[in-house]
């Protein structure tokens, strides 16, 4: 996988940042952002281009499963399920390793804490943007405009993949980004 600037890709494809993920072009895209936080974490938000459609399908399936794991974990956290039991439940239900389970629980806890901080009802949380969901629910749009809105909502709902690395194992065992031009791994 090679990397190309996002501005350049937006110009080439004429698409939004999220739409570039699903675009069929073979042109590679480089990371959007790379941040070093105070606690020495490196966050990379990027758009990926795949050489094979099979690889793209696997990643999209993984993203859908992970998004489902986050929603499932959120519901179990509302039911006051213990984190240890929830991790086992996620691992067996979704057949992904416990690192993904831990990351899903972490995101679900963040969403729950955010709702409580804003004094919102956590049972009414809608993953993928309430505004998009409400517009889709009204059914006032038809044709291409409705399909575009539905696609944007689904990108926000299913387009998450979050994995936490560890220092003692030299990074993230689930995901590894490699810059082929510089031969350095992230």
Foldseek 3Di string as FASTA:
>chain_A
DAADEPVVVCVVVVDDQLVLQVDQDQDAHHWPDWDQDPVRDTDTHHRGHDPDVVVSVVVLVVLQLLLVLLVVLLVVVVVVDDLVVSLVVSCVVSVDDSQSNVFSNVNSVVLVVVCVVVVHDSVPDDFQDPVLVVVLVVVPDDDPVSVVSVVSSCCRRRVDDDGFFDVVVPTTPPDWAAHVVVRDID
